[in-house]
């Protein structure tokens, strides 16, 4: 494996589209309300992607050091696990990526607020600091929250609330009720992706003492929790379509419910944890599809 290939693999590119789902919706809402700015959009995308890559590298390092990534693990082989990247190389990559995150964050906040809205700018610097720390602390350290069943809460907050509502505030400089239901929807679906990942790894995680929320619940209850997350997301997104209806085209995102229902049927029938793995990509891409269609549909008023 050459140098470029091993680092691309470590960055786990298949996780990146999901991370920008909230940015897509927030940007469409901003365009509808006349506050969209292409510079903010570009830096919001770059910043979000850099945070996701940081999280992926940190997770690889944390799980690798703790021995969680071992031969029992069902998912794709990680970089440290395979020996393609050493601990020292990964640690240095994490440090470099933190600097990249900071650089993109400064650019994003500058283009969003410039010399105005000092308190909002300060608030977003604090949020950025918490986001960077959270990306690292998911699996790294003795107090890693991913090992204590708290990952679901962090994913819901950062992929849903912060991603949609936070990004909208970057454009509009204020919170708007129109962003609340989409934020909850994307947060729930993103949490469902994490839960599916944890259901896949439930046996190896339990043996490695990685107590995810799925491990806490057990296999049967984790499935029920999964149904709750997805059905709640569907209900809230339908409610958004009803409350903000201006045209039948607004509801084109209903198309995304079709793969969601097929996914739920597959999860219901799945008994062997490793069989959840193919569903991860499907659920993540369906979430992105819903985000695009919901956002674009909201812009169509005739």
C-alpha atoms as a PDB file:
ATOM      1  CA  UNK A   1       0.000   0.000   0.000  1.00  0.00           C
ATOM      2  CA  UNK A   2       1.552   3.349  -1.058  1.00  0.00           C
ATOM      3  CA  UNK A   3       1.626   6.427   1.166  1.00  0.00           C
ATOM      4  CA  UNK A   4      -1.337   8.227  -0.437  1.00  0.00           C
ATOM      5  CA  UNK A   5      -3.547   5.153  -0.424  1.00  0.00           C
ATOM      6  CA  UNK A   6      -2.940   4.336   3.229  1.00  0.00           C
ATOM      7  CA  UNK A   7      -3.760   7.870   4.371  1.00  0.00           C
ATOM      8  CA  UNK A   8      -6.862   8.082   2.183  1.00  0.00           C
ATOM      9  CA  UNK A   9      -7.963   4.791   3.705  1.00  0.00           C
ATOM     10  CA  UNK A  10      -7.305   6.096   7.234  1.00  0.00           C
ATOM     11  CA  UNK A  11      -9.403   9.194   6.556  1.00  0.00           C
ATOM     12  CA  UNK A  12     -12.392   6.928   5.798  1.00  0.00           C
ATOM     13  CA  UNK A  13     -13.801   8.943   2.912  1.00  0.00           C
ATOM     14  CA  UNK A  14     -17.100   7.067   2.986  1.00  0.00           C
ATOM     15  CA  UNK A  15     -17.956   8.875   6.245  1.00  0.00           C
ATOM     16  CA  UNK A  16     -17.492  12.369   4.791  1.00  0.00           C
ATOM     17  CA  UNK A  17     -20.753  12.901   2.835  1.00  0.00           C
ATOM     18  CA  UNK A  18     -22.860  12.347   5.960  1.00  0.00           C
ATOM     19  CA  UNK A  19     -20.933  15.024   7.835  1.00  0.00           C
ATOM     20  CA  UNK A  20     -22.005  17.773   5.413  1.00  0.00           C
ATOM     21  CA  UNK A  21     -25.727  16.870   5.329  1.00  0.00           C
ATOM     22  CA  UNK A  22     -26.545  19.580   7.846  1.00  0.00           C
ATOM     23  CA  UNK A  23     -24.520  22.165   5.923  1.00  0.00           C
ATOM     24  CA  UNK A  24     -26.499  21.393   2.772  1.00  0.00           C
ATOM     25  CA  UNK A  25     -29.862  21.922   4.478  1.00  0.00           C
ATOM     26  CA  UNK A  26     -28.757  25.056   6.340  1.00  0.00           C
ATOM     27  CA  UNK A  27     -27.415  26.546   3.110  1.00  0.00           C
ATOM     28  CA  UNK A  28     -30.664  25.893   1.257  1.00  0.00           C
ATOM     29  CA  UNK A  29     -32.661  27.487   4.071  1.00  0.00           C
ATOM     30  CA  UNK A  30     -30.296  30.464   3.977  1.00  0.00           C
ATOM     31  CA  UNK A  31     -30.765  30.799   0.211  1.00  0.00           C
ATOM     32  CA  UNK A  32     -34.548  30.708   0.618  1.00  0.00           C
ATOM     33  CA  UNK A  33     -34.351  33.516   3.199  1.00  0.00           C
ATOM     34  CA  UNK A  34     -31.912  35.565   1.116  1.00  0.00           C
ATOM     35  CA  UNK A  35     -28.858  35.315   3.375  1.00  0.00           C
ATOM     36  CA  UNK A  36     -26.758  32.703   1.530  1.00  0.00           C
ATOM     37  CA  UNK A  37     -23.065  33.506   1.022  1.00  0.00           C
ATOM     38  CA  UNK A  38     -20.862  31.285  -1.151  1.00  0.00           C
ATOM     39  CA  UNK A  39     -17.720  32.010   0.901  1.00  0.00           C
ATOM     40  CA  UNK A  40     -19.433  30.886   4.098  1.00  0.00           C
ATOM     41  CA  UNK A  41     -20.698  27.778   2.310  1.00  0.00           C
ATOM     42  CA  UNK A  42     -17.246  26.790   1.058  1.00  0.00           C
ATOM     43  CA  UNK A  43     -15.561  27.317   4.424  1.00  0.00           C
ATOM     44  CA  UNK A  44     -18.389  25.570   6.273  1.00  0.00           C
ATOM     45  CA  UNK A  45     -17.893  22.511   4.050  1.00  0.00           C
ATOM     46  CA  UNK A  46     -14.101  22.578   4.446  1.00  0.00           C
ATOM     47  CA  UNK A  47     -14.324  23.060   8.209  1.00  0.00           C
ATOM     48  CA  UNK A  48     -16.832  20.246   8.657  1.00  0.00           C
ATOM     49  CA  UNK A  49     -14.811  17.847   6.526  1.00  0.00           C
ATOM     50  CA  UNK A  50     -11.631  18.671   8.446  1.00  0.00           C
ATOM     51  CA  UNK A  51     -13.404  17.937  11.746  1.00  0.00           C
ATOM     52  CA  UNK A  52     -14.696  14.620  10.405  1.00  0.00           C
ATOM     53  CA  UNK A  53     -11.244  13.597   9.178  1.00  0.00           C
ATOM     54  CA  UNK A  54      -9.815  14.556  12.582  1.00  0.00           C
ATOM     55  CA  UNK A  55     -12.437  12.381  14.270  1.00  0.00           C
ATOM     56  CA  UNK A  56     -11.663   9.453  11.966  1.00  0.00           C
ATOM     57  CA  UNK A  57      -7.912   9.660  12.558  1.00  0.00           C
ATOM     58  CA  UNK A  58      -8.388  10.073  16.310  1.00  0.00           C
ATOM     59  CA  UNK A  59     -10.764   7.090  16.422  1.00  0.00           C
ATOM     60  CA  UNK A  60      -8.256   4.967  14.534  1.00  0.00           C
ATOM     61  CA  UNK A  61      -5.538   5.998  16.973  1.00  0.00           C
ATOM     62  CA  UNK A  62      -7.638   5.622  20.125  1.00  0.00           C
ATOM     63  CA  UNK A  63      -9.118   2.228  19.263  1.00  0.00           C
ATOM     64  CA  UNK A  64      -5.749   1.045  17.972  1.00  0.00           C
ATOM     65  CA  UNK A  65      -3.858   1.996  21.119  1.00  0.00           C
ATOM     66  CA  UNK A  66      -6.519   0.456  23.363  1.00  0.00           C
ATOM     67  CA  UNK A  67      -6.535  -2.759  21.353  1.00  0.00           C
ATOM     68  CA  UNK A  68     -10.229  -2.422  20.489  1.00  0.00           C
ATOM     69  CA  UNK A  69      -9.421  -2.840  16.798  1.00  0.00           C
ATOM     70  CA  UNK A  70      -8.420  -6.485  16.752  1.00  0.00           C
ATOM     71  CA  UNK A  71      -9.146  -9.659  14.812  1.00  0.00           C
ATOM     72  CA  UNK A  72     -12.639  -9.843  16.319  1.00  0.00           C
ATOM     73  CA  UNK A  73     -13.675  -6.542  14.743  1.00  0.00           C
ATOM     74  CA  UNK A  74     -16.195  -6.941  11.913  1.00  0.00           C
ATOM     75  CA  UNK A  75     -15.767  -3.668  10.020  1.00  0.00           C
ATOM     76  CA  UNK A  76     -13.025  -2.554   7.620  1.00  0.00           C
ATOM     77  CA  UNK A  77      -9.471  -2.992   8.915  1.00  0.00           C
ATOM     78  CA  UNK A  78      -8.111   0.204  10.453  1.00  0.00           C
ATOM     79  CA  UNK A  79      -4.711   1.743   9.700  1.00  0.00           C
ATOM     80  CA  UNK A  80      -3.091   1.078  13.092  1.00  0.00           C
ATOM     81  CA  UNK A  81      -4.699  -2.329  13.290  1.00  0.00           C
ATOM     82  CA  UNK A  82      -3.164  -3.369   9.967  1.00  0.00           C
ATOM     83  CA  UNK A  83       0.210  -1.775  10.684  1.00  0.00           C
ATOM     84  CA  UNK A  84      -0.023   0.428   7.581  1.00  0.00           C
ATOM     85  CA  UNK A  85       0.476   3.504   9.777  1.00  0.00           C
ATOM     86  CA  UNK A  86       2.458   3.627  13.023  1.00  0.00           C
ATOM     87  CA  UNK A  87       1.220   5.199  16.265  1.00  0.00           C
ATOM     88  CA  UNK A  88       3.740   8.003  15.904  1.00  0.00           C
ATOM     89  CA  UNK A  89       2.693   8.757  12.307  1.00  0.00           C
ATOM     90  CA  UNK A  90      -0.983   8.802  13.265  1.00  0.00           C
ATOM     91  CA  UNK A  91      -0.365  11.026  16.283  1.00  0.00           C
ATOM     92  CA  UNK A  92       1.550  13.522  14.120  1.00  0.00           C
ATOM     93  CA  UNK A  93      -1.236  13.442  11.521  1.00  0.00           C
ATOM     94  CA  UNK A  94      -3.763  14.247  14.244  1.00  0.00           C
ATOM     95  CA  UNK A  95      -1.715  17.256  15.363  1.00  0.00           C
ATOM     96  CA  UNK A  96      -1.425  18.533  11.785  1.00  0.00           C
ATOM     97  CA  UNK A  97      -5.149  18.038  11.248  1.00  0.00           C
ATOM     98  CA  UNK A  98      -5.929  20.053  14.369  1.00  0.00           C
ATOM     99  CA  UNK A  99      -4.023  22.980  12.843  1.00  0.00           C
ATOM    100  CA  UNK A 100      -5.995  22.546   9.610  1.00  0.00           C
ATOM    101  CA  UNK A 101      -9.254  22.557  11.587  1.00  0.00           C
ATOM    102  CA  UNK A 102      -8.226  25.757  13.355  1.00  0.00           C
ATOM    103  CA  UNK A 103      -7.248  27.450  10.072  1.00  0.00           C
ATOM    104  CA  UNK A 104     -10.559  26.607   8.390  1.00  0.00           C
ATOM    105  CA  UNK A 105     -12.484  27.632  11.520  1.00  0.00           C
ATOM    106  CA  UNK A 106     -10.805  31.041  11.602  1.00  0.00           C
ATOM    107  CA  UNK A 107     -11.596  31.521   7.908  1.00  0.00           C
ATOM    108  CA  UNK A 108     -15.217  30.476   8.418  1.00  0.00           C
ATOM    109  CA  UNK A 109     -15.771  32.808  11.361  1.00  0.00           C
ATOM    110  CA  UNK A 110     -14.003  35.683   9.585  1.00  0.00           C
ATOM    111  CA  UNK A 111     -16.145  35.437   6.443  1.00  0.00           C
ATOM    112  CA  UNK A 112     -19.278  34.998   8.561  1.00  0.00           C
ATOM    113  CA  UNK A 113     -18.852  37.871  10.994  1.00  0.00           C
ATOM    114  CA  UNK A 114     -15.808  39.948   9.962  1.00  0.00           C
ATOM    115  CA  UNK A 115     -15.531  42.805  12.470  1.00  0.00           C
ATOM    116  CA  UNK A 116     -19.194  42.620  13.475  1.00  0.00           C
ATOM    117  CA  UNK A 117     -21.154  40.357  15.842  1.00  0.00           C
ATOM    118  CA  UNK A 118     -18.277  39.915  18.281  1.00  0.00           C
ATOM    119  CA  UNK A 119     -20.255  37.817  20.759  1.00  0.00           C
ATOM    120  CA  UNK A 120     -21.477  35.434  18.050  1.00  0.00           C
ATOM    121  CA  UNK A 121     -17.942  35.093  16.723  1.00  0.00           C
ATOM    122  CA  UNK A 122     -16.701  34.344  20.252  1.00  0.00           C
ATOM    123  CA  UNK A 123     -19.470  31.767  20.715  1.00  0.00           C
ATOM    124  CA  UNK A 124     -18.467  29.960  17.530  1.00  0.00           C
ATOM    125  CA  UNK A 125     -14.816  29.890  18.588  1.00  0.00           C
ATOM    126  CA  UNK A 126     -15.960  28.172  21.792  1.00  0.00           C
ATOM    127  CA  UNK A 127     -18.121  25.716  19.816  1.00  0.00           C
ATOM    128  CA  UNK A 128     -15.174  24.989  17.525  1.00  0.00           C
ATOM    129  CA  UNK A 129     -12.939  24.294  20.504  1.00  0.00           C
ATOM    130  CA  UNK A 130     -15.491  21.901  21.975  1.00  0.00           C
ATOM    131  CA  UNK A 131     -15.927  20.212  18.569  1.00  0.00           C
ATOM    132  CA  UNK A 132     -12.178  19.641  18.169  1.00  0.00           C
ATOM    133  CA  UNK A 133     -11.864  18.319  21.714  1.00  0.00           C
ATOM    134  CA  UNK A 134     -14.881  16.050  21.186  1.00  0.00           C
ATOM    135  CA  UNK A 135     -13.475  14.660  17.940  1.00  0.00           C
ATOM    136  CA  UNK A 136     -10.322  13.675  19.797  1.00  0.00           C
ATOM    137  CA  UNK A 137     -11.854  12.469  23.056  1.00  0.00           C
ATOM    138  CA  UNK A 138     -14.302  10.048  21.432  1.00  0.00           C
ATOM    139  CA  UNK A 139     -11.796   7.199  21.756  1.00  0.00           C
ATOM    140  CA  UNK A 140      -8.538   8.777  23.010  1.00  0.00           C
ATOM    141  CA  UNK A 141      -7.691   8.904  26.693  1.00  0.00           C
ATOM    142  CA  UNK A 142      -8.952   7.256  29.871  1.00  0.00           C
ATOM    143  CA  UNK A 143     -12.133   9.343  29.837  1.00  0.00           C
ATOM    144  CA  UNK A 144     -13.025   8.653  26.189  1.00  0.00           C
ATOM    145  CA  UNK A 145     -16.784   9.215  25.996  1.00  0.00           C
ATOM    146  CA  UNK A 146     -17.188   6.719  23.141  1.00  0.00           C
ATOM    147  CA  UNK A 147     -16.314   4.008  25.668  1.00  0.00           C
ATOM    148  CA  UNK A 148     -19.004   5.196  28.085  1.00  0.00           C
ATOM    149  CA  UNK A 149     -22.084   5.109  25.860  1.00  0.00           C
ATOM    150  CA  UNK A 150     -22.155   8.879  25.261  1.00  0.00           C
ATOM    151  CA  UNK A 151     -21.275   8.936  21.553  1.00  0.00           C
ATOM    152  CA  UNK A 152     -24.911   9.055  20.466  1.00  0.00           C
ATOM    153  CA  UNK A 153     -25.517  12.337  22.304  1.00  0.00           C
ATOM    154  CA  UNK A 154     -22.451  13.977  20.785  1.00  0.00           C
ATOM    155  CA  UNK A 155     -23.363  12.844  17.264  1.00  0.00           C
ATOM    156  CA  UNK A 156     -26.921  14.130  17.654  1.00  0.00           C
ATOM    157  CA  UNK A 157     -25.708  17.511  18.885  1.00  0.00           C
ATOM    158  CA  UNK A 158     -22.857  18.080  16.430  1.00  0.00           C
ATOM    159  CA  UNK A 159     -24.259  16.421  13.293  1.00  0.00           C
ATOM    160  CA  UNK A 160     -27.758  17.738  13.891  1.00  0.00           C
ATOM    161  CA  UNK A 161     -28.158  20.793  16.108  1.00  0.00           C
ATOM    162  CA  UNK A 162     -24.774  22.446  15.558  1.00  0.00           C
ATOM    163  CA  UNK A 163     -24.494  21.457  11.900  1.00  0.00           C
ATOM    164  CA  UNK A 164     -27.905  22.770  10.796  1.00  0.00           C
ATOM    165  CA  UNK A 165     -28.834  25.493  13.271  1.00  0.00           C
ATOM    166  CA  UNK A 166     -25.242  26.568  13.821  1.00  0.00           C
ATOM    167  CA  UNK A 167     -24.531  26.829  10.110  1.00  0.00           C
ATOM    168  CA  UNK A 168     -27.759  28.755   9.541  1.00  0.00           C
ATOM    169  CA  UNK A 169     -26.701  31.263  12.214  1.00  0.00           C
ATOM    170  CA  UNK A 170     -23.417  31.758  10.353  1.00  0.00           C
ATOM    171  CA  UNK A 171     -25.468  32.986   7.410  1.00  0.00           C
ATOM    172  CA  UNK A 172     -28.342  34.801   9.129  1.00  0.00           C
ATOM    173  CA  UNK A 173     -26.671  35.902  12.398  1.00  0.00           C
ATOM    174  CA  UNK A 174     -29.765  34.666  14.229  1.00  0.00           C
ATOM    175  CA  UNK A 175     -31.661  31.470  14.994  1.00  0.00           C
ATOM    176  CA  UNK A 176     -34.727  30.771  12.855  1.00  0.00           C
ATOM    177  CA  UNK A 177     -37.457  28.283  13.750  1.00  0.00           C
ATOM    178  CA  UNK A 178     -37.347  26.915  10.198  1.00  0.00           C
ATOM    179  CA  UNK A 179     -34.018  25.183  10.972  1.00  0.00           C
ATOM    180  CA  UNK A 180     -35.158  23.313  14.085  1.00  0.00           C
ATOM    181  CA  UNK A 181     -37.010  20.331  12.576  1.00  0.00           C
ATOM    182  CA  UNK A 182     -34.352  19.674   9.887  1.00  0.00           C
ATOM    183  CA  UNK A 183     -31.690  19.811  12.608  1.00  0.00           C
ATOM    184  CA  UNK A 184     -33.523  17.213  14.686  1.00  0.00           C
ATOM    185  CA  UNK A 185     -34.097  15.040  11.608  1.00  0.00           C
ATOM    186  CA  UNK A 186     -30.454  14.972  10.520  1.00  0.00           C
ATOM    187  CA  UNK A 187     -29.323  14.536  14.117  1.00  0.00           C
ATOM    188  CA  UNK A 188     -31.531  11.474  14.569  1.00  0.00           C
ATOM    189  CA  UNK A 189     -30.469   9.868  11.282  1.00  0.00           C
ATOM    190  CA  UNK A 190     -26.787  10.529  11.989  1.00  0.00           C
ATOM    191  CA  UNK A 191     -27.208   8.940  15.415  1.00  0.00           C
ATOM    192  CA  UNK A 192     -28.848   5.971  13.693  1.00  0.00           C
ATOM    193  CA  UNK A 193     -25.723   5.574  11.529  1.00  0.00           C
ATOM    194  CA  UNK A 194     -23.569   5.471  14.668  1.00  0.00           C
ATOM    195  CA  UNK A 195     -25.952   3.022  16.331  1.00  0.00           C
ATOM    196  CA  UNK A 196     -25.835   0.761  13.272  1.00  0.00           C
ATOM    197  CA  UNK A 197     -22.035   0.842  13.419  1.00  0.00           C
ATOM    198  CA  UNK A 198     -22.173  -0.040  17.111  1.00  0.00           C
ATOM    199  CA  UNK A 199     -24.647  -2.877  16.505  1.00  0.00           C
ATOM    200  CA  UNK A 200     -22.242  -4.288  13.939  1.00  0.00           C
ATOM    201  CA  UNK A 201     -19.374  -4.169  16.449  1.00  0.00           C
ATOM    202  CA  UNK A 202     -21.410  -5.059  19.534  1.00  0.00           C
ATOM    203  CA  UNK A 203     -19.591  -8.325  20.259  1.00  0.00           C
ATOM    204  CA  UNK A 204     -16.020  -7.095  19.746  1.00  0.00           C
ATOM    205  CA  UNK A 205     -16.750  -3.810  21.553  1.00  0.00           C
ATOM    206  CA  UNK A 206     -18.151  -5.639  24.564  1.00  0.00           C
ATOM    207  CA  UNK A 207     -15.142  -7.961  24.690  1.00  0.00           C
ATOM    208  CA  UNK A 208     -12.800  -4.946  24.465  1.00  0.00           C
ATOM    209  CA  UNK A 209     -14.727  -3.145  27.229  1.00  0.00           C
ATOM    210  CA  UNK A 210     -15.873  -0.430  24.814  1.00  0.00           C
ATOM    211  CA  UNK A 211     -19.284   0.228  26.316  1.00  0.00           C
ATOM    212  CA  UNK A 212     -21.212   1.901  23.507  1.00  0.00           C
ATOM    213  CA  UNK A 213     -24.899   2.668  23.916  1.00  0.00           C
ATOM    214  CA  UNK A 214     -25.670  -0.419  21.819  1.00  0.00           C
ATOM    215  CA  UNK A 215     -23.619  -2.551  24.218  1.00  0.00           C
ATOM    216  CA  UNK A 216     -25.507  -1.035  27.151  1.00  0.00           C
ATOM    217  CA  UNK A 217     -28.865  -1.785  25.550  1.00  0.00           C
ATOM    218  CA  UNK A 218     -28.065  -5.222  24.200  1.00  0.00           C
ATOM    219  CA  UNK A 219     -28.772  -6.470  20.677  1.00  0.00           C
ATOM    220  CA  UNK A 220     -32.581  -6.576  20.858  1.00  0.00           C
ATOM    221  CA  UNK A 221     -33.087  -3.198  22.497  1.00  0.00           C
ATOM    222  CA  UNK A 222     -30.451  -1.622  20.223  1.00  0.00           C
ATOM    223  CA  UNK A 223     -32.612  -2.633  17.258  1.00  0.00           C
ATOM    224  CA  UNK A 224     -35.702  -1.062  18.844  1.00  0.00           C
ATOM    225  CA  UNK A 225     -33.680   2.072  19.544  1.00  0.00           C
ATOM    226  CA  UNK A 226     -32.670   2.073  15.868  1.00  0.00           C
ATOM    227  CA  UNK A 227     -36.317   1.914  14.776  1.00  0.00           C
ATOM    228  CA  UNK A 228     -37.112   4.782  17.145  1.00  0.00           C
ATOM    229  CA  UNK A 229     -34.367   6.993  15.718  1.00  0.00           C
ATOM    230  CA  UNK A 230     -35.399   6.492  12.091  1.00  0.00           C
ATOM    231  CA  UNK A 231     -39.165   6.657  12.603  1.00  0.00           C
ATOM    232  CA  UNK A 232     -38.735   9.808  14.713  1.00  0.00           C
ATOM    233  CA  UNK A 233     -36.662  11.375  11.926  1.00  0.00           C
ATOM    234  CA  UNK A 234     -39.342  10.518   9.369  1.00  0.00           C
ATOM    235  CA  UNK A 235     -42.142  11.942  11.529  1.00  0.00           C
ATOM    236  CA  UNK A 236     -40.278  15.192  12.219  1.00  0.00           C
ATOM    237  CA  UNK A 237     -39.360  15.650   8.555  1.00  0.00           C
ATOM    238  CA  UNK A 238     -42.989  15.067   7.528  1.00  0.00           C
ATOM    239  CA  UNK A 239     -44.003  17.679  10.093  1.00  0.00           C
ATOM    240  CA  UNK A 240     -41.514  20.096   8.530  1.00  0.00           C
ATOM    241  CA  UNK A 241     -43.071  19.492   5.101  1.00  0.00           C
ATOM    242  CA  UNK A 242     -46.552  20.183   6.460  1.00  0.00           C
ATOM    243  CA  UNK A 243     -45.684  23.293   8.463  1.00  0.00           C
ATOM    244  CA  UNK A 244     -43.606  24.952   5.729  1.00  0.00           C
ATOM    245  CA  UNK A 245     -45.584  23.759   2.712  1.00  0.00           C
ATOM    246  CA  UNK A 246     -45.699  26.159  -0.250  1.00  0.00           C
ATOM    247  CA  UNK A 247     -45.600  23.738  -3.186  1.00  0.00           C
ATOM    248  CA  UNK A 248     -45.948  19.974  -3.820  1.00  0.00           C
ATOM    249  CA  UNK A 249     -42.312  20.089  -4.936  1.00  0.00           C
ATOM    250  CA  UNK A 250     -41.356  20.804  -1.317  1.00  0.00           C
ATOM    251  CA  UNK A 251     -42.133  17.167  -0.543  1.00  0.00           C
ATOM    252  CA  UNK A 252     -39.747  15.550  -3.027  1.00  0.00           C
ATOM    253  CA  UNK A 253     -37.631  14.375  -0.095  1.00  0.00           C
ATOM    254  CA  UNK A 254     -40.367  11.812   0.652  1.00  0.00           C
ATOM    255  CA  UNK A 255     -38.540   9.740  -1.991  1.00  0.00           C
ATOM    256  CA  UNK A 256     -35.777   9.163   0.576  1.00  0.00           C
ATOM    257  CA  UNK A 257     -38.235   7.316   2.806  1.00  0.00           C
ATOM    258  CA  UNK A 258     -38.263   4.394   0.359  1.00  0.00           C
ATOM    259  CA  UNK A 259     -34.652   3.280   1.037  1.00  0.00           C
ATOM    260  CA  UNK A 260     -35.207   4.030   4.734  1.00  0.00           C
ATOM    261  CA  UNK A 261     -38.099   1.554   4.912  1.00  0.00           C
ATOM    262  CA  UNK A 262     -36.073  -1.050   3.000  1.00  0.00           C
ATOM    263  CA  UNK A 263     -33.245  -0.446   5.462  1.00  0.00           C
ATOM    264  CA  UNK A 264     -35.528  -0.991   8.452  1.00  0.00           C
ATOM    265  CA  UNK A 265     -36.790  -4.222   6.946  1.00  0.00           C
ATOM    266  CA  UNK A 266     -33.201  -5.417   6.465  1.00  0.00           C
ATOM    267  CA  UNK A 267     -32.262  -4.505  10.035  1.00  0.00           C
ATOM    268  CA  UNK A 268     -35.293  -6.360  11.356  1.00  0.00           C
ATOM    269  CA  UNK A 269     -34.231  -9.548   9.574  1.00  0.00           C
ATOM    270  CA  UNK A 270     -30.529  -9.292  10.408  1.00  0.00           C
ATOM    271  CA  UNK A 271     -29.280 -11.689  13.074  1.00  0.00           C
ATOM    272  CA  UNK A 272     -25.516 -11.790  12.455  1.00  0.00           C
ATOM    273  CA  UNK A 273     -23.855  -8.452  13.447  1.00  0.00           C
ATOM    274  CA  UNK A 274     -21.483  -8.383  10.457  1.00  0.00           C
ATOM    275  CA  UNK A 275     -24.497  -8.247   8.123  1.00  0.00           C
ATOM    276  CA  UNK A 276     -25.185  -4.706   9.356  1.00  0.00           C
ATOM    277  CA  UNK A 277     -22.037  -3.458   7.610  1.00  0.00           C
ATOM    278  CA  UNK A 278     -23.474  -3.068   4.061  1.00  0.00           C
ATOM    279  CA  UNK A 279     -26.375  -1.088   5.538  1.00  0.00           C
ATOM    280  CA  UNK A 280     -24.045   1.577   6.947  1.00  0.00           C
ATOM    281  CA  UNK A 281     -23.249   3.057   3.555  1.00  0.00           C
ATOM    282  CA  UNK A 282     -26.905   2.841   2.475  1.00  0.00           C
ATOM    283  CA  UNK A 283     -28.181   4.649   5.553  1.00  0.00           C
ATOM    284  CA  UNK A 284     -25.494   7.343   5.385  1.00  0.00           C
ATOM    285  CA  UNK A 285     -26.124   8.048   1.692  1.00  0.00           C
ATOM    286  CA  UNK A 286     -29.886   8.017   2.226  1.00  0.00           C
ATOM    287  CA  UNK A 287     -29.430  10.670   4.906  1.00  0.00           C
ATOM    288  CA  UNK A 288     -27.436  12.779   2.453  1.00  0.00           C
ATOM    289  CA  UNK A 289     -30.126  12.244  -0.206  1.00  0.00           C
ATOM    290  CA  UNK A 290     -32.842  13.342   2.197  1.00  0.00           C
ATOM    291  CA  UNK A 291     -30.830  16.435   3.128  1.00  0.00           C
ATOM    292  CA  UNK A 292     -30.346  17.428  -0.512  1.00  0.00           C
ATOM    293  CA  UNK A 293     -33.970  16.823  -1.508  1.00  0.00           C
ATOM    294  CA  UNK A 294     -35.372  18.520   1.589  1.00  0.00           C
ATOM    295  CA  UNK A 295     -33.170  21.564   1.054  1.00  0.00           C
ATOM    296  CA  UNK A 296     -33.691  21.849  -2.691  1.00  0.00           C
ATOM    297  CA  UNK A 297     -37.402  21.085  -2.350  1.00  0.00           C
ATOM    298  CA  UNK A 298     -37.767  23.939   0.113  1.00  0.00           C
ATOM    299  CA  UNK A 299     -36.403  26.313  -2.517  1.00  0.00           C
ATOM    300  CA  UNK A 300     -39.045  25.341  -5.093  1.00  0.00           C
ATOM    301  CA  UNK A 301     -42.115  27.488  -4.486  1.00  0.00           C
ATOM    302  CA  UNK A 302     -44.041  27.117  -7.751  1.00  0.00           C
END
